[in-house]
Amino acid sequence: MKKNIFTLFFLFSTVFCIAQKKVIQTEQAPAPIGPYSQAVEANGMVFVAGQIGLNPQTRQLVAGGVEAETAQIMDNIKAILKAANLSLADIVNTTIYVKDLTYFSKINEIYGKYFEGNFPARATVGVNNLPGGAALEIAVVAVRGPRKK
């Protein structure tokens, strides 16, 4: 009898622990250019797909080089997180893909302005090419924390 109760409890708790996938989407950020979602939430973690510097309305790469692209990317990420009821402060990890690492300091300066201390962990990777001729792409992971009152 105890074994049956334990088995039922285990099965019941397992059902509630399975990741529930929720797609996050907003018109305030560019629509995906392929078969992927802007972001996906599972177990309180929000995985934002890599963003390039596309204007959400025109779906064209913004003019102005790496500085303009970086700012547009961060604005797009901010909009996606807002659609998930999160903010840039909820980001725990960032991966930056950049075609030319000599732009690292410019990207770093602009990226840093979007945070108020307690920066996320981050990796920056030099790559050969990116979609749409972009100079950089940024992907983030945010975590849903306890609600503030």
C-alpha atoms as a PDB file:
ATOM      1  CA  MET A   1       0.000   0.000   0.000  1.00  0.00           C
ATOM      2  CA  LYS A   2       2.767   2.478   0.919  1.00  0.00           C
ATOM      3  CA  LYS A   3       4.581   1.620  -2.300  1.00  0.00           C
ATOM      4  CA  ASN A   4       1.424   2.372  -4.344  1.00  0.00           C
ATOM      5  CA  ILE A   5       0.934   5.705  -2.597  1.00  0.00           C
ATOM      6  CA  PHE A   6       4.573   6.626  -3.221  1.00  0.00           C
ATOM      7  CA  THR A   7       4.258   5.637  -6.878  1.00  0.00           C
ATOM      8  CA  LEU A   8       1.103   7.747  -7.313  1.00  0.00           C
ATOM      9  CA  PHE A   9       2.746  10.713  -5.577  1.00  0.00           C
ATOM     10  CA  PHE A  10       5.826  10.366  -7.785  1.00  0.00           C
ATOM     11  CA  LEU A  11       3.772  10.233 -10.983  1.00  0.00           C
ATOM     12  CA  PHE A  12       1.586  13.154  -9.886  1.00  0.00           C
ATOM     13  CA  SER A  13       4.578  15.332  -8.975  1.00  0.00           C
ATOM     14  CA  THR A  14       6.404  14.417 -12.187  1.00  0.00           C
ATOM     15  CA  VAL A  15       3.496  15.690 -14.288  1.00  0.00           C
ATOM     16  CA  PHE A  16       3.707  19.101 -12.601  1.00  0.00           C
ATOM     17  CA  CYS A  17       7.506  19.304 -12.897  1.00  0.00           C
ATOM     18  CA  ILE A  18       7.610  18.787 -16.654  1.00  0.00           C
ATOM     19  CA  ALA A  19       8.579  21.989 -18.428  1.00  0.00           C
ATOM     20  CA  GLN A  20       5.614  23.877 -19.783  1.00  0.00           C
ATOM     21  CA  LYS A  21       6.716  25.617 -22.977  1.00  0.00           C
ATOM     22  CA  LYS A  22       5.211  29.040 -23.640  1.00  0.00           C
ATOM     23  CA  VAL A  23       6.014  31.049 -26.765  1.00  0.00           C
ATOM     24  CA  ILE A  24       6.562  34.790 -26.255  1.00  0.00           C
ATOM     25  CA  GLN A  25       5.767  37.086 -29.174  1.00  0.00           C
ATOM     26  CA  THR A  26       5.384  40.819 -29.671  1.00  0.00           C
ATOM     27  CA  GLU A  27       4.943  43.162 -32.620  1.00  0.00           C
ATOM     28  CA  GLN A  28       7.302  45.584 -30.846  1.00  0.00           C
ATOM     29  CA  ALA A  29      10.271  43.459 -31.989  1.00  0.00           C
ATOM     30  CA  PRO A  30      11.048  42.028 -35.429  1.00  0.00           C
ATOM     31  CA  ALA A  31       9.120  38.941 -36.454  1.00  0.00           C
ATOM     32  CA  PRO A  32      11.359  35.883 -36.802  1.00  0.00           C
ATOM     33  CA  ILE A  33      13.009  35.484 -40.200  1.00  0.00           C
ATOM     34  CA  GLY A  34      12.953  31.694 -39.924  1.00  0.00           C
ATOM     35  CA  PRO A  35      11.267  28.786 -38.146  1.00  0.00           C
ATOM     36  CA  TYR A  36      11.857  29.959 -34.564  1.00  0.00           C
ATOM     37  CA  SER A  37      10.131  32.013 -31.862  1.00  0.00           C
ATOM     38  CA  GLN A  38      11.180  35.430 -30.570  1.00  0.00           C
ATOM     39  CA  ALA A  39      11.392  33.830 -27.127  1.00  0.00           C
ATOM     40  CA  VAL A  40      10.309  30.703 -25.289  1.00  0.00           C
ATOM     41  CA  GLU A  41       9.610  30.371 -21.575  1.00  0.00           C
ATOM     42  CA  ALA A  42      10.057  27.091 -19.720  1.00  0.00           C
ATOM     43  CA  ASN A  43      10.075  26.680 -15.929  1.00  0.00           C
ATOM     44  CA  GLY A  44      10.487  30.400 -15.298  1.00  0.00           C
ATOM     45  CA  MET A  45      13.396  30.793 -17.708  1.00  0.00           C
ATOM     46  CA  VAL A  46      12.933  32.910 -20.831  1.00  0.00           C
ATOM     47  CA  PHE A  47      15.217  32.145 -23.760  1.00  0.00           C
ATOM     48  CA  VAL A  48      15.303  35.068 -26.192  1.00  0.00           C
ATOM     49  CA  ALA A  49      16.373  34.086 -29.695  1.00  0.00           C
ATOM     50  CA  GLY A  50      19.398  35.813 -31.147  1.00  0.00           C
ATOM     51  CA  GLN A  51      18.456  39.298 -32.283  1.00  0.00           C
ATOM     52  CA  ILE A  52      20.079  41.312 -35.046  1.00  0.00           C
ATOM     53  CA  GLY A  53      19.595  45.050 -35.522  1.00  0.00           C
ATOM     54  CA  LEU A  54      16.334  44.897 -37.449  1.00  0.00           C
ATOM     55  CA  ASN A  55      13.803  47.683 -37.221  1.00  0.00           C
ATOM     56  CA  PRO A  56      10.553  45.991 -36.093  1.00  0.00           C
ATOM     57  CA  GLN A  57       8.388  47.958 -38.554  1.00  0.00           C
ATOM     58  CA  THR A  58      10.511  47.758 -41.705  1.00  0.00           C
ATOM     59  CA  ARG A  59      12.278  44.450 -40.898  1.00  0.00           C
ATOM     60  CA  GLN A  60      15.414  46.058 -42.399  1.00  0.00           C
ATOM     61  CA  LEU A  61      18.811  46.320 -40.750  1.00  0.00           C
ATOM     62  CA  VAL A  62      19.146  49.771 -39.169  1.00  0.00           C
ATOM     63  CA  ALA A  63      21.614  52.204 -40.712  1.00  0.00           C
ATOM     64  CA  GLY A  64      24.478  53.590 -38.667  1.00  0.00           C
ATOM     65  CA  GLY A  65      26.792  50.650 -38.230  1.00  0.00           C
ATOM     66  CA  VAL A  66      27.594  48.585 -35.174  1.00  0.00           C
ATOM     67  CA  GLU A  67      26.524  51.310 -32.707  1.00  0.00           C
ATOM     68  CA  ALA A  68      23.029  51.624 -34.199  1.00  0.00           C
ATOM     69  CA  GLU A  69      22.689  47.844 -34.510  1.00  0.00           C
ATOM     70  CA  THR A  70      23.666  47.309 -30.870  1.00  0.00           C
ATOM     71  CA  ALA A  71      21.120  49.854 -29.625  1.00  0.00           C
ATOM     72  CA  GLN A  72      18.369  48.388 -31.853  1.00  0.00           C
ATOM     73  CA  ILE A  73      19.142  44.865 -30.676  1.00  0.00           C
ATOM     74  CA  MET A  74      18.930  45.891 -27.027  1.00  0.00           C
ATOM     75  CA  ASP A  75      15.639  47.725 -27.689  1.00  0.00           C
ATOM     76  CA  ASN A  76      14.272  44.609 -29.421  1.00  0.00           C
ATOM     77  CA  ILE A  77      15.330  42.387 -26.498  1.00  0.00           C
ATOM     78  CA  LYS A  78      13.759  44.856 -24.068  1.00  0.00           C
ATOM     79  CA  ALA A  79      10.462  44.701 -26.015  1.00  0.00           C
ATOM     80  CA  ILE A  80      10.454  40.887 -26.067  1.00  0.00           C
ATOM     81  CA  LEU A  81      11.137  40.710 -22.339  1.00  0.00           C
ATOM     82  CA  LYS A  82       8.383  43.280 -21.710  1.00  0.00           C
ATOM     83  CA  ALA A  83       5.961  40.985 -23.573  1.00  0.00           C
ATOM     84  CA  ALA A  84       6.967  38.291 -21.066  1.00  0.00           C
ATOM     85  CA  ASN A  85       6.437  40.735 -18.155  1.00  0.00           C
ATOM     86  CA  LEU A  86      10.184  40.864 -17.536  1.00  0.00           C
ATOM     87  CA  SER A  87      12.888  43.502 -17.911  1.00  0.00           C
ATOM     88  CA  LEU A  88      16.557  43.722 -18.783  1.00  0.00           C
ATOM     89  CA  ALA A  89      17.275  43.405 -15.037  1.00  0.00           C
ATOM     90  CA  ASP A  90      15.984  39.809 -15.238  1.00  0.00           C
ATOM     91  CA  ILE A  91      18.671  38.755 -17.747  1.00  0.00           C
ATOM     92  CA  VAL A  92      21.112  36.244 -16.267  1.00  0.00           C
ATOM     93  CA  ASN A  93      23.116  35.313 -19.362  1.00  0.00           C
ATOM     94  CA  THR A  94      24.021  36.991 -22.649  1.00  0.00           C
ATOM     95  CA  THR A  95      25.825  35.673 -25.704  1.00  0.00           C
ATOM     96  CA  ILE A  96      27.107  38.204 -28.228  1.00  0.00           C
ATOM     97  CA  TYR A  97      28.163  37.061 -31.695  1.00  0.00           C
ATOM     98  CA  VAL A  98      30.222  39.658 -33.566  1.00  0.00           C
ATOM     99  CA  LYS A  99      31.811  39.605 -37.024  1.00  0.00           C
ATOM    100  CA  ASP A 100      34.627  42.009 -36.151  1.00  0.00           C
ATOM    101  CA  LEU A 101      36.039  41.885 -32.623  1.00  0.00           C
ATOM    102  CA  THR A 102      37.658  45.292 -33.081  1.00  0.00           C
ATOM    103  CA  TYR A 103      34.154  46.680 -32.377  1.00  0.00           C
ATOM    104  CA  PHE A 104      34.110  44.996 -28.959  1.00  0.00           C
ATOM    105  CA  SER A 105      34.668  48.220 -26.979  1.00  0.00           C
ATOM    106  CA  LYS A 106      31.920  50.112 -28.868  1.00  0.00           C
ATOM    107  CA  ILE A 107      29.464  47.237 -28.389  1.00  0.00           C
ATOM    108  CA  ASN A 108      30.457  46.942 -24.732  1.00  0.00           C
ATOM    109  CA  GLU A 109      29.889  50.659 -24.101  1.00  0.00           C
ATOM    110  CA  ILE A 110      26.396  50.689 -25.629  1.00  0.00           C
ATOM    111  CA  TYR A 111      25.393  47.311 -24.128  1.00  0.00           C
ATOM    112  CA  GLY A 112      26.500  48.473 -20.669  1.00  0.00           C
ATOM    113  CA  LYS A 113      24.193  51.516 -20.760  1.00  0.00           C
ATOM    114  CA  TYR A 114      21.156  49.221 -20.753  1.00  0.00           C
ATOM    115  CA  PHE A 115      21.936  47.830 -17.287  1.00  0.00           C
ATOM    116  CA  GLU A 116      22.080  49.338 -13.802  1.00  0.00           C
ATOM    117  CA  GLY A 117      24.798  47.195 -12.221  1.00  0.00           C
ATOM    118  CA  ASN A 118      24.384  43.487 -11.450  1.00  0.00           C
ATOM    119  CA  PHE A 119      25.332  42.663 -15.019  1.00  0.00           C
ATOM    120  CA  PRO A 120      24.429  39.268 -16.484  1.00  0.00           C
ATOM    121  CA  ALA A 121      27.071  36.660 -17.190  1.00  0.00           C
ATOM    122  CA  ARG A 122      28.252  37.028 -20.771  1.00  0.00           C
ATOM    123  CA  ALA A 123      30.219  35.443 -23.572  1.00  0.00           C
ATOM    124  CA  THR A 124      31.361  37.233 -26.713  1.00  0.00           C
ATOM    125  CA  VAL A 125      32.178  35.127 -29.746  1.00  0.00           C
ATOM    126  CA  GLY A 126      33.829  36.172 -32.997  1.00  0.00           C
ATOM    127  CA  VAL A 127      32.032  34.707 -36.010  1.00  0.00           C
ATOM    128  CA  ASN A 128      32.577  34.637 -39.753  1.00  0.00           C
ATOM    129  CA  ASN A 129      29.085  35.713 -40.833  1.00  0.00           C
ATOM    130  CA  LEU A 130      25.616  36.591 -39.526  1.00  0.00           C
ATOM    131  CA  PRO A 131      22.110  36.720 -41.066  1.00  0.00           C
ATOM    132  CA  GLY A 132      21.125  39.734 -43.146  1.00  0.00           C
ATOM    133  CA  GLY A 133      24.608  41.227 -43.198  1.00  0.00           C
ATOM    134  CA  ALA A 134      24.392  42.105 -39.501  1.00  0.00           C
ATOM    135  CA  ALA A 135      27.550  43.104 -37.639  1.00  0.00           C
ATOM    136  CA  LEU A 136      26.409  41.401 -34.439  1.00  0.00           C
ATOM    137  CA  GLU A 137      23.729  39.224 -32.885  1.00  0.00           C
ATOM    138  CA  ILE A 138      22.753  39.007 -29.220  1.00  0.00           C
ATOM    139  CA  ALA A 139      20.864  36.201 -27.458  1.00  0.00           C
ATOM    140  CA  VAL A 140      19.847  36.319 -23.796  1.00  0.00           C
ATOM    141  CA  VAL A 141      18.375  34.158 -21.065  1.00  0.00           C
ATOM    142  CA  ALA A 142      16.222  35.801 -18.392  1.00  0.00           C
ATOM    143  CA  VAL A 143      14.811  34.267 -15.226  1.00  0.00           C
ATOM    144  CA  ARG A 144      11.456  34.993 -13.699  1.00  0.00           C
ATOM    145  CA  GLY A 145      12.099  35.843 -10.049  1.00  0.00           C
ATOM    146  CA  PRO A 146       9.755  36.463  -7.147  1.00  0.00           C
ATOM    147  CA  ARG A 147       7.150  39.108  -7.918  1.00  0.00           C
ATOM    148  CA  LYS A 148       7.732  42.551  -6.412  1.00  0.00           C
ATOM    149  CA  LYS A 149       4.771  44.208  -4.724  1.00  0.00           C
END
